[in-house]
Amino acid sequence: MADAVATQIIENGPRNLVMSFTNNSDGTGEAAVVKVDVSVLGVSLTSLKIRRIIYNVTSGSVVISWDATTDSVIAVLSGYGEICLEDTQGFFNPATTGNTGDILFTTKTFTAPSGYTIILEMTKGNAP
């Protein structure tokens, strides 16, 4: 068996990108799974900034990272809540060695029935 996962693009405009992710886990979990693939979204490698994360994670945690030779952790989520960085520059890609610009999810200590719903609100380019 495998986790039942879904990705939905809510908005993909010239400035804003909003995506929703869900996982209903059978305990398999996810390891460094590409959730935001900049190559298919027409976004340059380092131009995305995460401005807001809304999350509900049950029975485990989710590590969100920028993909690189050594991934750069953005946030570790458990429980439910919101990380709002709308009044700041947000989480930006540090462009370390091997950077792809993609955003990865890794689940930790997921057992059946673990799961998550995560919404990422992002801006493209140098938009403040």
C-alpha atoms as a PDB file:
ATOM      1  CA  MET A   1       0.000   0.000   0.000  1.00  0.00           C
ATOM      2  CA  ALA A   2       0.963   3.643  -0.096  1.00  0.00           C
ATOM      3  CA  ASP A   3      -0.077   6.969   1.292  1.00  0.00           C
ATOM      4  CA  ALA A   4      -2.996   8.658  -0.485  1.00  0.00           C
ATOM      5  CA  VAL A   5      -1.679  12.085  -1.489  1.00  0.00           C
ATOM      6  CA  ALA A   6      -3.031  14.969  -3.529  1.00  0.00           C
ATOM      7  CA  THR A   7      -1.699  18.306  -4.762  1.00  0.00           C
ATOM      8  CA  GLN A   8      -3.893  21.164  -5.928  1.00  0.00           C
ATOM      9  CA  ILE A   9      -2.826  24.441  -7.508  1.00  0.00           C
ATOM     10  CA  ILE A  10      -5.246  27.022  -6.135  1.00  0.00           C
ATOM     11  CA  GLU A  11      -3.654  30.035  -7.837  1.00  0.00           C
ATOM     12  CA  ASN A  12      -0.797  30.342 -10.339  1.00  0.00           C
ATOM     13  CA  GLY A  13      -0.724  33.949 -11.434  1.00  0.00           C
ATOM     14  CA  PRO A  14       2.055  36.299 -12.483  1.00  0.00           C
ATOM     15  CA  ARG A  15       2.892  37.120  -8.837  1.00  0.00           C
ATOM     16  CA  ASN A  16       1.163  34.615  -6.561  1.00  0.00           C
ATOM     17  CA  LEU A  17       1.321  30.843  -6.305  1.00  0.00           C
ATOM     18  CA  VAL A  18      -0.949  29.057  -3.829  1.00  0.00           C
ATOM     19  CA  MET A  19      -0.911  25.283  -3.491  1.00  0.00           C
ATOM     20  CA  SER A  20      -2.677  22.782  -1.238  1.00  0.00           C
ATOM     21  CA  PHE A  21      -1.288  19.372  -0.267  1.00  0.00           C
ATOM     22  CA  THR A  22      -2.972  16.458   1.501  1.00  0.00           C
ATOM     23  CA  ASN A  23      -1.791  13.081   2.741  1.00  0.00           C
ATOM     24  CA  ASN A  24      -3.819  10.291   4.319  1.00  0.00           C
ATOM     25  CA  SER A  25      -1.128   7.914   5.474  1.00  0.00           C
ATOM     26  CA  ASP A  26      -1.188   4.174   5.888  1.00  0.00           C
ATOM     27  CA  GLY A  27       2.109   4.549   7.762  1.00  0.00           C
ATOM     28  CA  THR A  28       4.274   4.436   4.633  1.00  0.00           C
ATOM     29  CA  GLY A  29       5.113   8.153   4.792  1.00  0.00           C
ATOM     30  CA  GLU A  30       7.016  10.339   2.347  1.00  0.00           C
ATOM     31  CA  ALA A  31      10.761  10.955   2.040  1.00  0.00           C
ATOM     32  CA  ALA A  32      11.982  14.091   0.218  1.00  0.00           C
ATOM     33  CA  VAL A  33       9.014  14.107  -2.176  1.00  0.00           C
ATOM     34  CA  VAL A  34       8.935  17.040  -4.610  1.00  0.00           C
ATOM     35  CA  LYS A  35       5.736  18.956  -3.908  1.00  0.00           C
ATOM     36  CA  VAL A  36       6.524  22.217  -5.702  1.00  0.00           C
ATOM     37  CA  ASP A  37       8.343  21.571  -8.983  1.00  0.00           C
ATOM     38  CA  VAL A  38       9.490  24.925 -10.334  1.00  0.00           C
ATOM     39  CA  SER A  39      10.371  23.451 -13.735  1.00  0.00           C
ATOM     40  CA  VAL A  40       6.705  22.739 -14.520  1.00  0.00           C
ATOM     41  CA  LEU A  41       5.431  25.985 -12.988  1.00  0.00           C
ATOM     42  CA  GLY A  42       7.603  28.282 -15.102  1.00  0.00           C
ATOM     43  CA  VAL A  43       9.376  29.764 -12.087  1.00  0.00           C
ATOM     44  CA  SER A  44      13.124  30.429 -11.875  1.00  0.00           C
ATOM     45  CA  LEU A  45      15.217  28.411  -9.416  1.00  0.00           C
ATOM     46  CA  THR A  46      15.486  30.961  -6.624  1.00  0.00           C
ATOM     47  CA  SER A  47      12.511  33.230  -7.184  1.00  0.00           C
ATOM     48  CA  LEU A  48       9.879  31.612  -4.926  1.00  0.00           C
ATOM     49  CA  LYS A  49       9.266  32.978  -1.463  1.00  0.00           C
ATOM     50  CA  ILE A  50       6.909  31.332   1.002  1.00  0.00           C
ATOM     51  CA  ARG A  51       4.767  34.018   2.612  1.00  0.00           C
ATOM     52  CA  ARG A  52       2.310  31.875   4.578  1.00  0.00           C
ATOM     53  CA  ILE A  53       1.909  28.252   5.665  1.00  0.00           C
ATOM     54  CA  ILE A  54      -1.408  26.955   6.987  1.00  0.00           C
ATOM     55  CA  TYR A  55      -1.221  23.412   8.314  1.00  0.00           C
ATOM     56  CA  ASN A  56      -2.939  20.554  10.115  1.00  0.00           C
ATOM     57  CA  VAL A  57      -0.675  17.555  10.768  1.00  0.00           C
ATOM     58  CA  THR A  58      -1.961  14.571  12.747  1.00  0.00           C
ATOM     59  CA  SER A  59       0.166  11.934  14.490  1.00  0.00           C
ATOM     60  CA  GLY A  60       3.601  12.936  13.247  1.00  0.00           C
ATOM     61  CA  SER A  61       5.423  15.847  11.664  1.00  0.00           C
ATOM     62  CA  VAL A  62       6.248  17.162   8.203  1.00  0.00           C
ATOM     63  CA  VAL A  63       9.619  18.658   7.279  1.00  0.00           C
ATOM     64  CA  ILE A  64       9.420  21.183   4.429  1.00  0.00           C
ATOM     65  CA  SER A  65      12.744  21.853   2.673  1.00  0.00           C
ATOM     66  CA  TRP A  66      14.331  23.549  -0.334  1.00  0.00           C
ATOM     67  CA  ASP A  67      15.864  20.875  -2.567  1.00  0.00           C
ATOM     68  CA  ALA A  68      19.672  21.033  -2.856  1.00  0.00           C
ATOM     69  CA  THR A  69      22.694  18.776  -2.433  1.00  0.00           C
ATOM     70  CA  THR A  70      22.097  19.266   1.288  1.00  0.00           C
ATOM     71  CA  ASP A  71      18.438  20.252   1.638  1.00  0.00           C
ATOM     72  CA  SER A  72      17.674  23.519   3.475  1.00  0.00           C
ATOM     73  CA  VAL A  73      14.901  23.099   6.033  1.00  0.00           C
ATOM     74  CA  ILE A  74      12.127  25.683   5.778  1.00  0.00           C
ATOM     75  CA  ALA A  75       9.884  24.470   8.601  1.00  0.00           C
ATOM     76  CA  VAL A  76       8.997  21.440  10.705  1.00  0.00           C
ATOM     77  CA  LEU A  77       5.228  21.227  11.177  1.00  0.00           C
ATOM     78  CA  SER A  78       3.172  19.279  13.708  1.00  0.00           C
ATOM     79  CA  GLY A  79      -0.258  19.865  15.151  1.00  0.00           C
ATOM     80  CA  TYR A  80      -2.111  22.715  13.494  1.00  0.00           C
ATOM     81  CA  GLY A  81      -1.510  26.389  12.965  1.00  0.00           C
ATOM     82  CA  GLU A  82      -0.286  29.103  10.690  1.00  0.00           C
ATOM     83  CA  ILE A  83       3.102  30.650   9.976  1.00  0.00           C
ATOM     84  CA  CYS A  84       2.461  34.105   8.555  1.00  0.00           C
ATOM     85  CA  LEU A  85       5.357  36.061   7.110  1.00  0.00           C
ATOM     86  CA  GLU A  86       3.329  38.486   4.995  1.00  0.00           C
ATOM     87  CA  ASP A  87       4.937  41.514   6.677  1.00  0.00           C
ATOM     88  CA  THR A  88       8.454  40.200   6.002  1.00  0.00           C
ATOM     89  CA  GLN A  89      10.366  38.883   3.012  1.00  0.00           C
ATOM     90  CA  GLY A  90       9.164  35.368   3.858  1.00  0.00           C
ATOM     91  CA  PHE A  91      11.101  32.128   3.590  1.00  0.00           C
ATOM     92  CA  PHE A  92      13.373  32.448   0.566  1.00  0.00           C
ATOM     93  CA  ASN A  93      15.532  29.881  -1.172  1.00  0.00           C
ATOM     94  CA  PRO A  94      19.128  30.219   0.095  1.00  0.00           C
ATOM     95  CA  ALA A  95      20.413  28.817  -3.234  1.00  0.00           C
ATOM     96  CA  THR A  96      22.960  26.466  -1.717  1.00  0.00           C
ATOM     97  CA  THR A  97      25.031  23.994  -3.780  1.00  0.00           C
ATOM     98  CA  GLY A  98      22.894  21.744  -5.975  1.00  0.00           C
ATOM     99  CA  ASN A  99      19.840  23.989  -5.626  1.00  0.00           C
ATOM    100  CA  THR A 100      16.882  23.004  -7.827  1.00  0.00           C
ATOM    101  CA  GLY A 101      14.357  25.541  -6.526  1.00  0.00           C
ATOM    102  CA  ASP A 102      11.917  22.711  -5.706  1.00  0.00           C
ATOM    103  CA  ILE A 103      10.160  22.304  -2.369  1.00  0.00           C
ATOM    104  CA  LEU A 104      10.206  18.881  -0.694  1.00  0.00           C
ATOM    105  CA  PHE A 105       8.083  17.239   2.011  1.00  0.00           C
ATOM    106  CA  THR A 106       9.329  14.510   4.342  1.00  0.00           C
ATOM    107  CA  THR A 107       7.039  12.945   6.934  1.00  0.00           C
ATOM    108  CA  LYS A 108       8.373  11.818  10.304  1.00  0.00           C
ATOM    109  CA  THR A 109       6.866   9.187  12.631  1.00  0.00           C
ATOM    110  CA  PHE A 110       3.790   8.705  10.464  1.00  0.00           C
ATOM    111  CA  THR A 111       1.658   5.695  11.378  1.00  0.00           C
ATOM    112  CA  ALA A 112      -1.822   4.766  10.227  1.00  0.00           C
ATOM    113  CA  PRO A 113      -3.907   6.933  10.404  1.00  0.00           C
ATOM    114  CA  SER A 114      -1.547   9.942  10.192  1.00  0.00           C
ATOM    115  CA  GLY A 115      -1.987  12.711   7.687  1.00  0.00           C
ATOM    116  CA  TYR A 116      -1.746  16.363   6.791  1.00  0.00           C
ATOM    117  CA  THR A 117      -3.314  19.240   4.975  1.00  0.00           C
ATOM    118  CA  ILE A 118      -0.845  22.012   4.154  1.00  0.00           C
ATOM    119  CA  ILE A 119      -1.408  25.201   2.176  1.00  0.00           C
ATOM    120  CA  LEU A 120       1.605  27.168   0.914  1.00  0.00           C
ATOM    121  CA  GLU A 121       1.085  30.760  -0.157  1.00  0.00           C
ATOM    122  CA  MET A 122       4.070  31.907  -2.213  1.00  0.00           C
ATOM    123  CA  THR A 123       5.187  34.862  -4.308  1.00  0.00           C
ATOM    124  CA  LYS A 124       7.250  34.672  -7.464  1.00  0.00           C
ATOM    125  CA  GLY A 125      10.237  36.785  -8.374  1.00  0.00           C
ATOM    126  CA  ASN A 126      11.342  39.673  -6.234  1.00  0.00           C
ATOM    127  CA  ALA A 127       7.810  40.735  -5.312  1.00  0.00           C
ATOM    128  CA  PRO A 128       7.689  42.013  -1.723  1.00  0.00           C
END
